[in-house]
Amino acid sequence: MTTIASSKQLLARANHRAQHYLSAWWRLVWLGSLILVHALSPSSYSRANRPVMAFHIYTNTAPILLGFSLLCAIISVVLTRIVTATALSYGLSQYGMQVVIRVLVLELIPLTAALFVALRCTIPDGAEVAGMQSRGELDAMRMRGIDPIRQEVLPRVLAGLVSTITLAALSCVVALVVAYLAVYGFRFSGLDAYTRLFGQVFNPAVSLIFVLKTLFFSLAVSLIPMVSALYGIGDKASRSSAEMRGLVRMFALILLIEVLSLVGNYL
């Protein structure tokens, strides 16, 4: 009897965890769909909402743009020197720049931009929304007939999307320019070969995967902190636990996206 009771408890616990796990991902899908509907609705960009959106987009993008670009430039110089020197020592110098473009632009920069925006912008934004939820400010907005999703959540999600995509796009350009200068210097003689090599790497399929990966990275780092903020409210301990679970889900989803992109690019 004791064994049967223990088995039932284990099954009940596993069932509860599975329901909680599926519920968390369903909330993410539901909120993402709701945000998408609001983002495509012209009424979300009314005269009252536009300054709020512009403020969040500016504060989430402009202060970190220069610093992240400089960081990418330094990483590009170091990585380019290491890869090209290693390829030259093995007699594979013709493949050195291709490896730099694939590793740096295709894989490293979008992932780094997403994690940087998450740590610098979207996770603090999620904590701010969680504080508003715990203080009852969002409920007070609902009582006044104001939709808090459209007023408070949508601007922060759009700011995270714009910030991630902007940082990834600008940093890729910076990395490509710095990699060219590190190999060819301030000469135009290598521009034709470099452009041809870039075209060989970024064929239509790889370009599509790159764009989709950057978009899904931006969605992951923008939506998951907001889901944790809106649905992880309770006492302080449960709120901290919900935030930690949200971070785990975010990193797991980013890892899954990266793995799928690797499969699409190289298999």
C-alpha atoms as a PDB file:
ATOM      1  CA  MET A   1       0.000   0.000   0.000  1.00  0.00           C
ATOM      2  CA  THR A   2       2.832   2.354   0.827  1.00  0.00           C
ATOM      3  CA  THR A   3       4.426   1.695  -2.555  1.00  0.00           C
ATOM      4  CA  ILE A   4       1.144   2.371  -4.355  1.00  0.00           C
ATOM      5  CA  ALA A   5       0.625   5.600  -2.385  1.00  0.00           C
ATOM      6  CA  SER A   6       4.169   6.755  -3.181  1.00  0.00           C
ATOM      7  CA  SER A   7       3.654   5.993  -6.859  1.00  0.00           C
ATOM      8  CA  LYS A   8       0.436   8.012  -6.880  1.00  0.00           C
ATOM      9  CA  GLN A   9       2.192  10.934  -5.230  1.00  0.00           C
ATOM     10  CA  LEU A  10       4.986  10.819  -7.782  1.00  0.00           C
ATOM     11  CA  LEU A  11       2.490  10.683 -10.642  1.00  0.00           C
ATOM     12  CA  ALA A  12       0.497  13.564  -9.167  1.00  0.00           C
ATOM     13  CA  ARG A  13       3.658  15.611  -8.711  1.00  0.00           C
ATOM     14  CA  ALA A  14       4.804  14.880 -12.253  1.00  0.00           C
ATOM     15  CA  ASN A  15       1.357  15.776 -13.581  1.00  0.00           C
ATOM     16  CA  HIS A  16       1.376  19.040 -11.654  1.00  0.00           C
ATOM     17  CA  ARG A  17       4.828  19.963 -12.974  1.00  0.00           C
ATOM     18  CA  ALA A  18       3.833  19.100 -16.529  1.00  0.00           C
ATOM     19  CA  GLN A  19       0.691  21.251 -16.256  1.00  0.00           C
ATOM     20  CA  HIS A  20       2.705  24.122 -14.799  1.00  0.00           C
ATOM     21  CA  TYR A  21       5.320  23.779 -17.560  1.00  0.00           C
ATOM     22  CA  LEU A  22       2.731  23.743 -20.350  1.00  0.00           C
ATOM     23  CA  SER A  23       0.830  26.597 -18.726  1.00  0.00           C
ATOM     24  CA  ALA A  24       3.952  28.757 -18.647  1.00  0.00           C
ATOM     25  CA  TRP A  25       4.640  28.204 -22.348  1.00  0.00           C
ATOM     26  CA  TRP A  26       0.962  28.740 -23.205  1.00  0.00           C
ATOM     27  CA  ARG A  27       1.054  32.097 -21.409  1.00  0.00           C
ATOM     28  CA  LEU A  28       4.113  33.016 -23.451  1.00  0.00           C
ATOM     29  CA  VAL A  29       2.353  32.128 -26.712  1.00  0.00           C
ATOM     30  CA  TRP A  30      -0.827  33.927 -25.630  1.00  0.00           C
ATOM     31  CA  LEU A  31       0.984  37.108 -24.605  1.00  0.00           C
ATOM     32  CA  GLY A  32       3.062  37.031 -27.779  1.00  0.00           C
ATOM     33  CA  SER A  33      -0.086  36.754 -29.879  1.00  0.00           C
ATOM     34  CA  LEU A  34      -1.729  39.564 -27.934  1.00  0.00           C
ATOM     35  CA  ILE A  35       1.325  41.782 -28.343  1.00  0.00           C
ATOM     36  CA  LEU A  36       1.387  41.014 -32.075  1.00  0.00           C
ATOM     37  CA  VAL A  37      -2.271  41.993 -32.415  1.00  0.00           C
ATOM     38  CA  HIS A  38      -1.655  45.251 -30.530  1.00  0.00           C
ATOM     39  CA  ALA A  39       1.494  45.938 -32.550  1.00  0.00           C
ATOM     40  CA  LEU A  40      -0.456  45.588 -35.818  1.00  0.00           C
ATOM     41  CA  SER A  41      -3.355  47.691 -34.585  1.00  0.00           C
ATOM     42  CA  PRO A  42      -3.232  51.362 -35.664  1.00  0.00           C
ATOM     43  CA  SER A  43      -4.962  52.387 -32.431  1.00  0.00           C
ATOM     44  CA  SER A  44      -1.851  51.348 -30.469  1.00  0.00           C
ATOM     45  CA  TYR A  45       0.052  54.190 -32.122  1.00  0.00           C
ATOM     46  CA  SER A  46      -2.229  56.981 -31.022  1.00  0.00           C
ATOM     47  CA  ARG A  47      -0.920  60.425 -30.159  1.00  0.00           C
ATOM     48  CA  ALA A  48      -0.905  59.520 -26.463  1.00  0.00           C
ATOM     49  CA  ASN A  49       1.052  56.270 -26.937  1.00  0.00           C
ATOM     50  CA  ARG A  50       3.653  57.435 -29.438  1.00  0.00           C
ATOM     51  CA  PRO A  51       5.752  59.440 -26.935  1.00  0.00           C
ATOM     52  CA  VAL A  52       5.802  56.483 -24.532  1.00  0.00           C
ATOM     53  CA  MET A  53       6.956  54.104 -27.252  1.00  0.00           C
ATOM     54  CA  ALA A  54       9.567  56.543 -28.520  1.00  0.00           C
ATOM     55  CA  PHE A  55      10.869  57.034 -24.978  1.00  0.00           C
ATOM     56  CA  HIS A  56      11.293  53.312 -24.321  1.00  0.00           C
ATOM     57  CA  ILE A  57      12.844  52.650 -27.738  1.00  0.00           C
ATOM     58  CA  TYR A  58      15.320  55.477 -27.227  1.00  0.00           C
ATOM     59  CA  THR A  59      16.290  54.549 -23.651  1.00  0.00           C
ATOM     60  CA  ASN A  60      16.702  50.863 -24.578  1.00  0.00           C
ATOM     61  CA  THR A  61      18.779  51.515 -27.703  1.00  0.00           C
ATOM     62  CA  ALA A  62      20.703  54.774 -27.735  1.00  0.00           C
ATOM     63  CA  PRO A  63      22.655  54.485 -24.428  1.00  0.00           C
ATOM     64  CA  ILE A  64      24.072  51.047 -25.278  1.00  0.00           C
ATOM     65  CA  LEU A  65      24.617  51.483 -29.015  1.00  0.00           C
ATOM     66  CA  LEU A  66      28.103  53.006 -28.903  1.00  0.00           C
ATOM     67  CA  GLY A  67      29.417  50.762 -26.146  1.00  0.00           C
ATOM     68  CA  PHE A  68      28.203  47.575 -27.787  1.00  0.00           C
ATOM     69  CA  SER A  69      29.581  48.632 -31.174  1.00  0.00           C
ATOM     70  CA  LEU A  70      33.006  49.278 -29.624  1.00  0.00           C
ATOM     71  CA  LEU A  71      32.868  45.916 -27.886  1.00  0.00           C
ATOM     72  CA  CYS A  72      32.052  44.185 -31.183  1.00  0.00           C
ATOM     73  CA  ALA A  73      34.894  46.053 -32.904  1.00  0.00           C
ATOM     74  CA  ILE A  74      37.407  44.856 -30.304  1.00  0.00           C
ATOM     75  CA  ILE A  75      36.123  41.274 -30.468  1.00  0.00           C
ATOM     76  CA  SER A  76      36.238  41.410 -34.272  1.00  0.00           C
ATOM     77  CA  VAL A  77      39.877  42.522 -34.320  1.00  0.00           C
ATOM     78  CA  VAL A  78      40.958  39.851 -31.847  1.00  0.00           C
ATOM     79  CA  LEU A  79      38.980  37.045 -33.479  1.00  0.00           C
ATOM     80  CA  THR A  80      40.053  38.013 -36.995  1.00  0.00           C
ATOM     81  CA  ARG A  81      43.718  38.047 -36.005  1.00  0.00           C
ATOM     82  CA  ILE A  82      43.459  34.670 -34.271  1.00  0.00           C
ATOM     83  CA  VAL A  83      41.571  32.933 -37.086  1.00  0.00           C
ATOM     84  CA  THR A  84      43.631  34.341 -39.948  1.00  0.00           C
ATOM     85  CA  ALA A  85      46.943  33.600 -38.195  1.00  0.00           C
ATOM     86  CA  THR A  86      45.824  30.043 -37.429  1.00  0.00           C
ATOM     87  CA  ALA A  87      44.596  29.483 -40.995  1.00  0.00           C
ATOM     88  CA  LEU A  88      47.871  30.850 -42.387  1.00  0.00           C
ATOM     89  CA  SER A  89      49.937  28.534 -40.186  1.00  0.00           C
ATOM     90  CA  TYR A  90      48.044  25.535 -41.563  1.00  0.00           C
ATOM     91  CA  GLY A  91      48.167  26.725 -45.145  1.00  0.00           C
ATOM     92  CA  LEU A  92      44.443  27.454 -45.244  1.00  0.00           C
ATOM     93  CA  SER A  93      44.553  31.234 -45.538  1.00  0.00           C
ATOM     94  CA  GLN A  94      41.875  31.203 -48.278  1.00  0.00           C
ATOM     95  CA  TYR A  95      39.356  29.936 -45.713  1.00  0.00           C
ATOM     96  CA  GLY A  96      40.293  32.256 -42.864  1.00  0.00           C
ATOM     97  CA  MET A  97      37.998  35.156 -43.719  1.00  0.00           C
ATOM     98  CA  GLN A  98      35.117  32.812 -44.478  1.00  0.00           C
ATOM     99  CA  VAL A  99      35.430  31.335 -40.998  1.00  0.00           C
ATOM    100  CA  VAL A 100      35.540  34.845 -39.510  1.00  0.00           C
ATOM    101  CA  ILE A 101      32.352  35.874 -41.293  1.00  0.00           C
ATOM    102  CA  ARG A 102      30.517  32.679 -40.380  1.00  0.00           C
ATOM    103  CA  VAL A 103      31.535  32.612 -36.722  1.00  0.00           C
ATOM    104  CA  LEU A 104      31.429  36.324 -36.025  1.00  0.00           C
ATOM    105  CA  VAL A 105      28.541  37.643 -38.094  1.00  0.00           C
ATOM    106  CA  LEU A 106      26.302  34.594 -38.443  1.00  0.00           C
ATOM    107  CA  GLU A 107      26.622  33.150 -34.949  1.00  0.00           C
ATOM    108  CA  LEU A 108      28.335  35.303 -32.347  1.00  0.00           C
ATOM    109  CA  ILE A 109      26.968  38.813 -32.874  1.00  0.00           C
ATOM    110  CA  PRO A 110      23.191  38.043 -32.946  1.00  0.00           C
ATOM    111  CA  LEU A 111      23.514  35.872 -29.844  1.00  0.00           C
ATOM    112  CA  THR A 112      25.618  38.468 -28.021  1.00  0.00           C
ATOM    113  CA  ALA A 113      23.242  41.278 -28.968  1.00  0.00           C
ATOM    114  CA  ALA A 114      20.228  39.348 -27.673  1.00  0.00           C
ATOM    115  CA  LEU A 115      21.892  38.515 -24.348  1.00  0.00           C
ATOM    116  CA  PHE A 116      23.193  42.074 -23.975  1.00  0.00           C
ATOM    117  CA  VAL A 117      19.746  43.577 -24.514  1.00  0.00           C
ATOM    118  CA  ALA A 118      18.196  41.036 -22.139  1.00  0.00           C
ATOM    119  CA  LEU A 119      20.591  41.837 -19.298  1.00  0.00           C
ATOM    120  CA  ARG A 120      20.688  45.575 -19.941  1.00  0.00           C
ATOM    121  CA  CYS A 121      17.085  46.359 -20.913  1.00  0.00           C
ATOM    122  CA  THR A 122      14.340  43.747 -21.041  1.00  0.00           C
ATOM    123  CA  ILE A 123      14.977  42.008 -17.706  1.00  0.00           C
ATOM    124  CA  PRO A 124      14.999  45.365 -15.831  1.00  0.00           C
ATOM    125  CA  ASP A 125      11.857  46.330 -17.769  1.00  0.00           C
ATOM    126  CA  GLY A 126      10.224  43.086 -16.656  1.00  0.00           C
ATOM    127  CA  ALA A 127      11.177  43.818 -13.044  1.00  0.00           C
ATOM    128  CA  GLU A 128       9.640  47.280 -13.407  1.00  0.00           C
ATOM    129  CA  VAL A 129       6.371  45.834 -14.717  1.00  0.00           C
ATOM    130  CA  ALA A 130       6.404  43.255 -11.910  1.00  0.00           C
ATOM    131  CA  GLY A 131       6.721  46.062  -9.396  1.00  0.00           C
ATOM    132  CA  MET A 132       3.784  47.884 -10.960  1.00  0.00           C
ATOM    133  CA  GLN A 133       1.759  44.677 -10.825  1.00  0.00           C
ATOM    134  CA  SER A 134       2.588  44.016  -7.186  1.00  0.00           C
ATOM    135  CA  ARG A 135       1.711  47.605  -6.193  1.00  0.00           C
ATOM    136  CA  GLY A 136      -1.660  47.307  -7.943  1.00  0.00           C
ATOM    137  CA  GLU A 137      -0.931  49.984 -10.534  1.00  0.00           C
ATOM    138  CA  LEU A 138      -1.924  47.750 -13.449  1.00  0.00           C
ATOM    139  CA  ASP A 139      -5.221  46.836 -11.774  1.00  0.00           C
ATOM    140  CA  ALA A 140      -5.866  50.528 -11.155  1.00  0.00           C
ATOM    141  CA  MET A 141      -5.318  51.198 -14.855  1.00  0.00           C
ATOM    142  CA  ARG A 142      -7.834  48.486 -15.752  1.00  0.00           C
ATOM    143  CA  MET A 143     -10.396  50.068 -13.412  1.00  0.00           C
ATOM    144  CA  ARG A 144      -9.919  53.392 -15.207  1.00  0.00           C
ATOM    145  CA  GLY A 145     -10.552  51.692 -18.553  1.00  0.00           C
ATOM    146  CA  ILE A 146      -6.901  51.728 -19.661  1.00  0.00           C
ATOM    147  CA  ASP A 147      -5.393  48.575 -21.124  1.00  0.00           C
ATOM    148  CA  PRO A 148      -2.059  48.019 -19.300  1.00  0.00           C
ATOM    149  CA  ILE A 149      -0.863  45.628 -21.997  1.00  0.00           C
ATOM    150  CA  ARG A 150      -1.107  48.357 -24.596  1.00  0.00           C
ATOM    151  CA  GLN A 151      -0.009  51.184 -22.306  1.00  0.00           C
ATOM    152  CA  GLU A 152       2.889  49.608 -20.368  1.00  0.00           C
ATOM    153  CA  VAL A 153       3.837  46.213 -21.817  1.00  0.00           C
ATOM    154  CA  LEU A 154       3.677  46.860 -25.568  1.00  0.00           C
ATOM    155  CA  PRO A 155       6.133  49.825 -25.539  1.00  0.00           C
ATOM    156  CA  ARG A 156       8.690  47.802 -23.578  1.00  0.00           C
ATOM    157  CA  VAL A 157       8.351  44.761 -25.835  1.00  0.00           C
ATOM    158  CA  LEU A 158       8.700  46.873 -28.982  1.00  0.00           C
ATOM    159  CA  ALA A 159      11.705  48.609 -27.438  1.00  0.00           C
ATOM    160  CA  GLY A 160      13.356  45.240 -26.818  1.00  0.00           C
ATOM    161  CA  LEU A 161      12.651  44.149 -30.395  1.00  0.00           C
ATOM    162  CA  VAL A 162      14.012  47.346 -31.920  1.00  0.00           C
ATOM    163  CA  SER A 163      17.046  47.381 -29.625  1.00  0.00           C
ATOM    164  CA  THR A 164      18.055  43.787 -30.392  1.00  0.00           C
ATOM    165  CA  ILE A 165      17.605  44.118 -34.148  1.00  0.00           C
ATOM    166  CA  THR A 166      19.394  47.493 -34.258  1.00  0.00           C
ATOM    167  CA  LEU A 167      22.358  46.294 -32.217  1.00  0.00           C
ATOM    168  CA  ALA A 168      22.688  43.099 -34.261  1.00  0.00           C
ATOM    169  CA  ALA A 169      22.470  44.894 -37.622  1.00  0.00           C
ATOM    170  CA  LEU A 170      24.851  47.731 -36.742  1.00  0.00           C
ATOM    171  CA  SER A 171      27.333  45.421 -35.026  1.00  0.00           C
ATOM    172  CA  CYS A 172      27.419  43.114 -38.048  1.00  0.00           C
ATOM    173  CA  VAL A 173      28.347  46.061 -40.255  1.00  0.00           C
ATOM    174  CA  VAL A 174      31.008  47.171 -37.767  1.00  0.00           C
ATOM    175  CA  ALA A 175      32.410  43.635 -37.547  1.00  0.00           C
ATOM    176  CA  LEU A 176      32.597  43.271 -41.334  1.00  0.00           C
ATOM    177  CA  VAL A 177      34.372  46.622 -41.723  1.00  0.00           C
ATOM    178  CA  VAL A 178      36.811  45.912 -38.886  1.00  0.00           C
ATOM    179  CA  ALA A 179      37.542  42.405 -40.214  1.00  0.00           C
ATOM    180  CA  TYR A 180      38.335  43.847 -43.655  1.00  0.00           C
ATOM    181  CA  LEU A 181      40.628  46.496 -42.177  1.00  0.00           C
ATOM    182  CA  ALA A 182      42.373  43.929 -39.976  1.00  0.00           C
ATOM    183  CA  VAL A 183      43.251  41.794 -43.019  1.00  0.00           C
ATOM    184  CA  TYR A 184      43.625  44.226 -45.936  1.00  0.00           C
ATOM    185  CA  GLY A 185      44.265  47.503 -44.164  1.00  0.00           C
ATOM    186  CA  PHE A 186      43.168  50.820 -45.667  1.00  0.00           C
ATOM    187  CA  ARG A 187      43.417  49.545 -49.228  1.00  0.00           C
ATOM    188  CA  PHE A 188      40.718  48.884 -51.803  1.00  0.00           C
ATOM    189  CA  SER A 189      42.608  46.082 -53.518  1.00  0.00           C
ATOM    190  CA  GLY A 190      40.898  43.359 -51.485  1.00  0.00           C
ATOM    191  CA  LEU A 191      37.383  44.764 -51.773  1.00  0.00           C
ATOM    192  CA  ASP A 192      36.381  42.626 -54.769  1.00  0.00           C
ATOM    193  CA  ALA A 193      37.566  39.380 -53.180  1.00  0.00           C
ATOM    194  CA  TYR A 194      36.005  40.320 -49.839  1.00  0.00           C
ATOM    195  CA  THR A 195      32.663  41.164 -51.446  1.00  0.00           C
ATOM    196  CA  ARG A 196      32.683  37.910 -53.424  1.00  0.00           C
ATOM    197  CA  LEU A 197      33.488  35.950 -50.263  1.00  0.00           C
ATOM    198  CA  PHE A 198      30.673  37.685 -48.399  1.00  0.00           C
ATOM    199  CA  GLY A 199      28.261  36.764 -51.179  1.00  0.00           C
ATOM    200  CA  GLN A 200      29.374  33.131 -51.047  1.00  0.00           C
ATOM    201  CA  VAL A 201      28.687  32.963 -47.302  1.00  0.00           C
ATOM    202  CA  PHE A 202      25.407  34.899 -47.322  1.00  0.00           C
ATOM    203  CA  ASN A 203      23.481  32.949 -49.918  1.00  0.00           C
ATOM    204  CA  PRO A 204      19.666  33.328 -49.869  1.00  0.00           C
ATOM    205  CA  ALA A 205      19.094  30.410 -47.483  1.00  0.00           C
ATOM    206  CA  VAL A 206      21.727  31.552 -44.981  1.00  0.00           C
ATOM    207  CA  SER A 207      20.465  35.137 -45.168  1.00  0.00           C
ATOM    208  CA  LEU A 208      16.913  34.010 -44.425  1.00  0.00           C
ATOM    209  CA  ILE A 209      18.063  31.921 -41.456  1.00  0.00           C
ATOM    210  CA  PHE A 210      20.100  34.864 -40.159  1.00  0.00           C
ATOM    211  CA  VAL A 211      17.120  37.236 -40.330  1.00  0.00           C
ATOM    212  CA  LEU A 212      14.743  34.734 -38.718  1.00  0.00           C
ATOM    213  CA  LYS A 213      17.227  33.896 -35.970  1.00  0.00           C
ATOM    214  CA  THR A 214      17.721  37.558 -35.096  1.00  0.00           C
ATOM    215  CA  LEU A 215      13.954  38.117 -35.073  1.00  0.00           C
ATOM    216  CA  PHE A 216      13.277  35.109 -32.836  1.00  0.00           C
ATOM    217  CA  PHE A 217      16.111  36.110 -30.500  1.00  0.00           C
ATOM    218  CA  SER A 218      14.541  39.559 -30.136  1.00  0.00           C
ATOM    219  CA  LEU A 219      11.109  38.041 -29.473  1.00  0.00           C
ATOM    220  CA  ALA A 220      12.513  35.683 -26.836  1.00  0.00           C
ATOM    221  CA  VAL A 221      14.375  38.348 -24.852  1.00  0.00           C
ATOM    222  CA  SER A 222      11.468  40.804 -25.107  1.00  0.00           C
ATOM    223  CA  LEU A 223       8.481  38.586 -24.304  1.00  0.00           C
ATOM    224  CA  ILE A 224       9.674  36.130 -21.649  1.00  0.00           C
ATOM    225  CA  PRO A 225      10.619  38.755 -19.007  1.00  0.00           C
ATOM    226  CA  MET A 226       7.178  40.328 -19.456  1.00  0.00           C
ATOM    227  CA  VAL A 227       5.431  36.964 -19.042  1.00  0.00           C
ATOM    228  CA  SER A 228       7.358  36.380 -15.824  1.00  0.00           C
ATOM    229  CA  ALA A 229       6.435  39.876 -14.650  1.00  0.00           C
ATOM    230  CA  LEU A 230       2.716  39.539 -15.343  1.00  0.00           C
ATOM    231  CA  TYR A 231       2.163  35.957 -14.206  1.00  0.00           C
ATOM    232  CA  GLY A 232       4.800  35.415 -11.542  1.00  0.00           C
ATOM    233  CA  ILE A 233       3.384  37.738  -8.913  1.00  0.00           C
ATOM    234  CA  GLY A 234       2.893  36.517  -5.397  1.00  0.00           C
ATOM    235  CA  ASP A 235       4.994  36.888  -2.306  1.00  0.00           C
ATOM    236  CA  LYS A 236       8.633  37.879  -2.610  1.00  0.00           C
ATOM    237  CA  ALA A 237       9.915  34.298  -2.639  1.00  0.00           C
ATOM    238  CA  SER A 238       7.479  33.104  -5.300  1.00  0.00           C
ATOM    239  CA  ARG A 239       8.152  36.205  -7.415  1.00  0.00           C
ATOM    240  CA  SER A 240      11.900  35.579  -7.291  1.00  0.00           C
ATOM    241  CA  SER A 241      11.320  31.933  -8.190  1.00  0.00           C
ATOM    242  CA  ALA A 242       9.114  32.949 -11.120  1.00  0.00           C
ATOM    243  CA  GLU A 243      11.745  35.384 -12.368  1.00  0.00           C
ATOM    244  CA  MET A 244      14.395  32.674 -12.167  1.00  0.00           C
ATOM    245  CA  ARG A 245      12.179  30.236 -14.077  1.00  0.00           C
ATOM    246  CA  GLY A 246      11.594  32.943 -16.660  1.00  0.00           C
ATOM    247  CA  LEU A 247      15.330  33.396 -17.118  1.00  0.00           C
ATOM    248  CA  VAL A 248      15.790  29.648 -17.507  1.00  0.00           C
ATOM    249  CA  ARG A 249      13.032  29.538 -20.139  1.00  0.00           C
ATOM    250  CA  MET A 250      14.565  32.481 -21.971  1.00  0.00           C
ATOM    251  CA  PHE A 251      18.047  30.967 -22.118  1.00  0.00           C
ATOM    252  CA  ALA A 252      16.599  27.569 -23.080  1.00  0.00           C
ATOM    253  CA  LEU A 253      14.629  29.131 -25.936  1.00  0.00           C
ATOM    254  CA  ILE A 254      17.671  31.099 -27.125  1.00  0.00           C
ATOM    255  CA  LEU A 255      19.733  27.907 -27.076  1.00  0.00           C
ATOM    256  CA  LEU A 256      17.040  26.077 -29.055  1.00  0.00           C
ATOM    257  CA  ILE A 257      16.919  28.841 -31.677  1.00  0.00           C
ATOM    258  CA  GLU A 258      20.701  28.786 -31.990  1.00  0.00           C
ATOM    259  CA  VAL A 259      20.776  25.005 -32.401  1.00  0.00           C
ATOM    260  CA  LEU A 260      18.055  25.116 -35.061  1.00  0.00           C
ATOM    261  CA  SER A 261      19.939  27.821 -36.951  1.00  0.00           C
ATOM    262  CA  LEU A 262      23.123  25.730 -36.860  1.00  0.00           C
ATOM    263  CA  VAL A 263      21.193  22.768 -38.218  1.00  0.00           C
ATOM    264  CA  GLY A 264      19.754  24.905 -41.000  1.00  0.00           C
ATOM    265  CA  ASN A 265      23.127  26.425 -41.915  1.00  0.00           C
ATOM    266  CA  TYR A 266      25.392  23.396 -41.786  1.00  0.00           C
ATOM    267  CA  LEU A 267      23.269  20.256 -42.233  1.00  0.00           C
END
